[in-house]
C-alpha atoms as a PDB file:
ATOM      1  CA  GLN A   1       9.572  -6.783  14.515  1.00  0.00           C
ATOM      2  CA  VAL A   2       8.821  -6.496  10.818  1.00  0.00           C
ATOM      3  CA  GLN A   3      10.873  -4.790   8.128  1.00  0.00           C
ATOM      4  CA  LEU A   4       9.129  -3.466   5.038  1.00  0.00           C
ATOM      5  CA  VAL A   5      10.745  -2.524   1.737  1.00  0.00           C
ATOM      6  CA  GLU A   6       8.722  -0.981  -1.067  1.00  0.00           C
ATOM      7  CA  SER A   7       9.640  -1.027  -4.740  1.00  0.00           C
ATOM      8  CA  GLY A   8       8.085  -0.458  -8.129  1.00  0.00           C
ATOM      9  CA  GLY A   9       7.528   3.277  -8.105  1.00  0.00           C
ATOM     10  CA  GLY A  10       8.442   5.515 -10.998  1.00  0.00           C
ATOM     11  CA  LEU A  11       7.259   7.951 -13.627  1.00  0.00           C
ATOM     12  CA  VAL A  12       4.226   7.011 -15.718  1.00  0.00           C
ATOM     13  CA  GLN A  13       1.908   8.849 -18.081  1.00  0.00           C
ATOM     14  CA  ALA A  14      -1.700   9.487 -17.170  1.00  0.00           C
ATOM     15  CA  GLY A  15      -3.794   6.436 -17.959  1.00  0.00           C
ATOM     16  CA  GLY A  16      -0.877   4.099 -17.394  1.00  0.00           C
ATOM     17  CA  SER A  17      -0.242   1.413 -14.806  1.00  0.00           C
ATOM     18  CA  LEU A  18       2.293   0.534 -12.147  1.00  0.00           C
ATOM     19  CA  ARG A  19       2.640  -2.316  -9.689  1.00  0.00           C
ATOM     20  CA  LEU A  20       4.126  -1.604  -6.299  1.00  0.00           C
ATOM     21  CA  SER A  21       5.606  -4.337  -4.139  1.00  0.00           C
ATOM     22  CA  CYS A  22       6.194  -4.445  -0.406  1.00  0.00           C
ATOM     23  CA  ALA A  23       8.576  -7.153   0.762  1.00  0.00           C
ATOM     24  CA  ALA A  24       8.147  -7.991   4.431  1.00  0.00           C
ATOM     25  CA  SER A  25      10.700  -9.763   6.611  1.00  0.00           C
ATOM     26  CA  GLY A  26      10.704 -10.778  10.242  1.00  0.00           C
ATOM     27  CA  ARG A  27       8.904 -13.192  12.494  1.00  0.00           C
ATOM     28  CA  ASN A  28       5.367 -14.310  11.743  1.00  0.00           C
ATOM     29  CA  VAL A  29       4.922 -11.908   8.851  1.00  0.00           C
ATOM     30  CA  GLY A  30       1.813 -13.753   7.785  1.00  0.00           C
ATOM     31  CA  ASN A  31       0.063 -12.652  10.988  1.00  0.00           C
ATOM     32  CA  TYR A  32       0.244  -8.985  10.073  1.00  0.00           C
ATOM     33  CA  ILE A  33      -2.470  -6.967   8.420  1.00  0.00           C
ATOM     34  CA  MET A  34      -0.953  -4.909   5.625  1.00  0.00           C
ATOM     35  CA  GLY A  35      -1.882  -1.546   4.196  1.00  0.00           C
ATOM     36  CA  TRP A  36      -0.827   0.989   1.605  1.00  0.00           C
ATOM     37  CA  PHE A  37      -0.859   4.716   2.253  1.00  0.00           C
ATOM     38  CA  ARG A  38       0.299   7.692   0.202  1.00  0.00           C
ATOM     39  CA  GLN A  39       1.409  11.218   0.882  1.00  0.00           C
ATOM     40  CA  ALA A  40       1.470  13.998  -1.679  1.00  0.00           C
ATOM     41  CA  PRO A  41       3.505  17.193  -1.151  1.00  0.00           C
ATOM     42  CA  GLY A  42       1.813  19.479   1.344  1.00  0.00           C
ATOM     43  CA  LYS A  43      -0.862  16.925   2.194  1.00  0.00           C
ATOM     44  CA  GLU A  44      -1.438  14.486   5.009  1.00  0.00           C
ATOM     45  CA  ARG A  45      -0.766  10.803   4.621  1.00  0.00           C
ATOM     46  CA  GLU A  46      -3.909   9.109   3.343  1.00  0.00           C
ATOM     47  CA  PHE A  47      -5.178   5.567   3.258  1.00  0.00           C
ATOM     48  CA  VAL A  48      -5.140   3.738  -0.059  1.00  0.00           C
ATOM     49  CA  ALA A  49      -5.885   0.060   0.583  1.00  0.00           C
ATOM     50  CA  ALA A  50      -5.567  -2.756   3.114  1.00  0.00           C
ATOM     51  CA  VAL A  51      -5.534  -6.532   2.979  1.00  0.00           C
ATOM     52  CA  SER A  52      -6.300  -9.091   5.665  1.00  0.00           C
ATOM     53  CA  ARG A  53      -3.922 -11.746   6.948  1.00  0.00           C
ATOM     54  CA  SER A  54      -5.303 -14.368   4.611  1.00  0.00           C
ATOM     55  CA  GLY A  55      -5.564 -12.008   1.680  1.00  0.00           C
ATOM     56  CA  GLY A  56      -9.244 -12.769   1.394  1.00  0.00           C
ATOM     57  CA  THR A  57     -10.542  -9.412   2.575  1.00  0.00           C
ATOM     58  CA  THR A  58      -9.610  -6.051   1.123  1.00  0.00           C
ATOM     59  CA  LEU A  59     -10.564  -2.448   1.684  1.00  0.00           C
ATOM     60  CA  TYR A  60     -10.045   0.568  -0.575  1.00  0.00           C
ATOM     61  CA  ALA A  61     -10.274   4.309  -0.395  1.00  0.00           C
ATOM     62  CA  ASP A  62     -13.082   5.647  -2.552  1.00  0.00           C
ATOM     63  CA  SER A  63     -10.573   7.569  -4.660  1.00  0.00           C
ATOM     64  CA  VAL A  64      -8.887   4.373  -5.890  1.00  0.00           C
ATOM     65  CA  LYS A  65     -11.750   1.889  -5.849  1.00  0.00           C
ATOM     66  CA  GLY A  66     -12.071   0.154  -9.196  1.00  0.00           C
ATOM     67  CA  ARG A  67      -8.585   1.263 -10.309  1.00  0.00           C
ATOM     68  CA  PHE A  68      -6.239  -0.196  -7.692  1.00  0.00           C
ATOM     69  CA  THR A  69      -5.979  -3.778  -6.465  1.00  0.00           C
ATOM     70  CA  ILE A  70      -4.191  -4.904  -3.313  1.00  0.00           C
ATOM     71  CA  SER A  71      -3.071  -8.500  -2.938  1.00  0.00           C
ATOM     72  CA  ARG A  72      -0.599 -10.538  -0.947  1.00  0.00           C
ATOM     73  CA  ASP A  73       1.545 -13.547  -1.719  1.00  0.00           C
ATOM     74  CA  ILE A  74       1.843 -15.345   1.605  1.00  0.00           C
ATOM     75  CA  ALA A  75       4.607 -17.654   0.407  1.00  0.00           C
ATOM     76  CA  LYS A  76       6.731 -14.696  -0.697  1.00  0.00           C
ATOM     77  CA  ASN A  77       5.804 -12.425   2.236  1.00  0.00           C
ATOM     78  CA  THR A  78       4.995  -9.736  -0.292  1.00  0.00           C
ATOM     79  CA  VAL A  79       2.079  -7.369  -0.712  1.00  0.00           C
ATOM     80  CA  TYR A  80       1.294  -5.793  -4.055  1.00  0.00           C
ATOM     81  CA  LEU A  81      -0.599  -2.738  -5.181  1.00  0.00           C
ATOM     82  CA  GLN A  82      -1.626  -2.885  -8.815  1.00  0.00           C
ATOM     83  CA  MET A  83      -2.467   0.633  -9.967  1.00  0.00           C
ATOM     84  CA  ASN A  84      -4.343   1.174 -13.225  1.00  0.00           C
ATOM     85  CA  SER A  85      -5.794   4.248 -14.932  1.00  0.00           C
ATOM     86  CA  LEU A  86      -3.410   6.478 -13.058  1.00  0.00           C
ATOM     87  CA  ASN A  87      -3.961  10.212 -13.016  1.00  0.00           C
ATOM     88  CA  ALA A  88      -2.037  13.223 -11.743  1.00  0.00           C
ATOM     89  CA  GLU A  89      -3.865  13.107  -8.407  1.00  0.00           C
ATOM     90  CA  ASP A  90      -2.229   9.738  -7.721  1.00  0.00           C
ATOM     91  CA  THR A  91       1.213  11.353  -7.604  1.00  0.00           C
ATOM     92  CA  ALA A  92       2.634  10.763  -4.125  1.00  0.00           C
ATOM     93  CA  VAL A  93       5.080   8.792  -2.066  1.00  0.00           C
ATOM     94  CA  TYR A  94       3.499   5.412  -1.415  1.00  0.00           C
ATOM     95  CA  TYR A  95       4.134   3.666   1.886  1.00  0.00           C
ATOM     96  CA  CYS A  96       3.569   0.112   2.982  1.00  0.00           C
ATOM     97  CA  ALA A  97       2.442  -0.431   6.577  1.00  0.00           C
ATOM     98  CA  ALA A  98       1.907  -3.420   8.821  1.00  0.00           C
ATOM     99  CA  ASP A  99       0.458  -4.188  12.197  1.00  0.00           C
ATOM    100  CA  LEU A 100      -0.144  -7.314  14.198  1.00  0.00           C
ATOM    101  CA  LEU A 101      -3.042  -6.242  16.401  1.00  0.00           C
ATOM    102  CA  ILE A 102      -5.006  -3.775  14.297  1.00  0.00           C
ATOM    103  CA  SER A 103      -8.624  -4.659  13.695  1.00  0.00           C
ATOM    104  CA  PHE A 104      -9.537  -4.635  10.041  1.00  0.00           C
ATOM    105  CA  ILE A 105     -12.147  -1.928  10.464  1.00  0.00           C
ATOM    106  CA  ARG A 106      -9.371   0.373  11.724  1.00  0.00           C
ATOM    107  CA  THR A 107      -7.041  -0.187   8.774  1.00  0.00           C
ATOM    108  CA  PRO A 108      -7.649   3.274   7.235  1.00  0.00           C
ATOM    109  CA  ASP A 109      -6.158   4.880  10.371  1.00  0.00           C
ATOM    110  CA  ALA A 110      -2.431   5.399   9.845  1.00  0.00           C
ATOM    111  CA  LYS A 111      -1.895   5.876  13.588  1.00  0.00           C
ATOM    112  CA  LYS A 112      -2.850   2.249  14.194  1.00  0.00           C
ATOM    113  CA  TYR A 113       0.161   0.846  12.328  1.00  0.00           C
ATOM    114  CA  ASN A 114       3.459   0.156  14.087  1.00  0.00           C
ATOM    115  CA  TYR A 115       5.627  -0.677  11.087  1.00  0.00           C
ATOM    116  CA  TRP A 116       6.316   1.366   7.977  1.00  0.00           C
ATOM    117  CA  GLY A 117       8.483   1.120   4.909  1.00  0.00           C
ATOM    118  CA  GLN A 118      10.632   3.928   3.564  1.00  0.00           C
ATOM    119  CA  GLY A 119       8.262   4.760   0.725  1.00  0.00           C
ATOM    120  CA  THR A 120       8.459   4.724  -3.060  1.00  0.00           C
ATOM    121  CA  GLN A 121       7.751   7.701  -5.309  1.00  0.00           C
ATOM    122  CA  VAL A 122       4.997   7.503  -7.906  1.00  0.00           C
ATOM    123  CA  THR A 123       4.771  10.369 -10.369  1.00  0.00           C
ATOM    124  CA  VAL A 124       2.012  10.565 -12.953  1.00  0.00           C
ATOM    125  CA  SER A 125       2.520  13.022 -15.788  1.00  0.00           C
ATOM    126  CA  SER A 126      -0.524  14.535 -17.459  1.00  0.00           C
END
């Protein structure tokens, strides 16, 4: 069992930056692959980024590549999503997800994750 708590969301102007955090607790947290997803009103949940157990491998959606950076602090059991050059299309609820058995190639598939946080709202004003 893993518990995930996101923080860091808020209101930001277009072109600004935010850093989201996902604090994980539970047994063997370091063995979990972690991902970030987002869901805008009226849209399906979509993949944003994923990071491997070691933090050495990352994967990004094309829409955020070059603007967002995912990282993890193993000692703090925390995953971060640094978001730069934000635009109105980035407005959504952002969710942290974790899974023990998922293969990294499957990380964009939300259905493959067993654990989810409650989400944090990010609103970008234009």
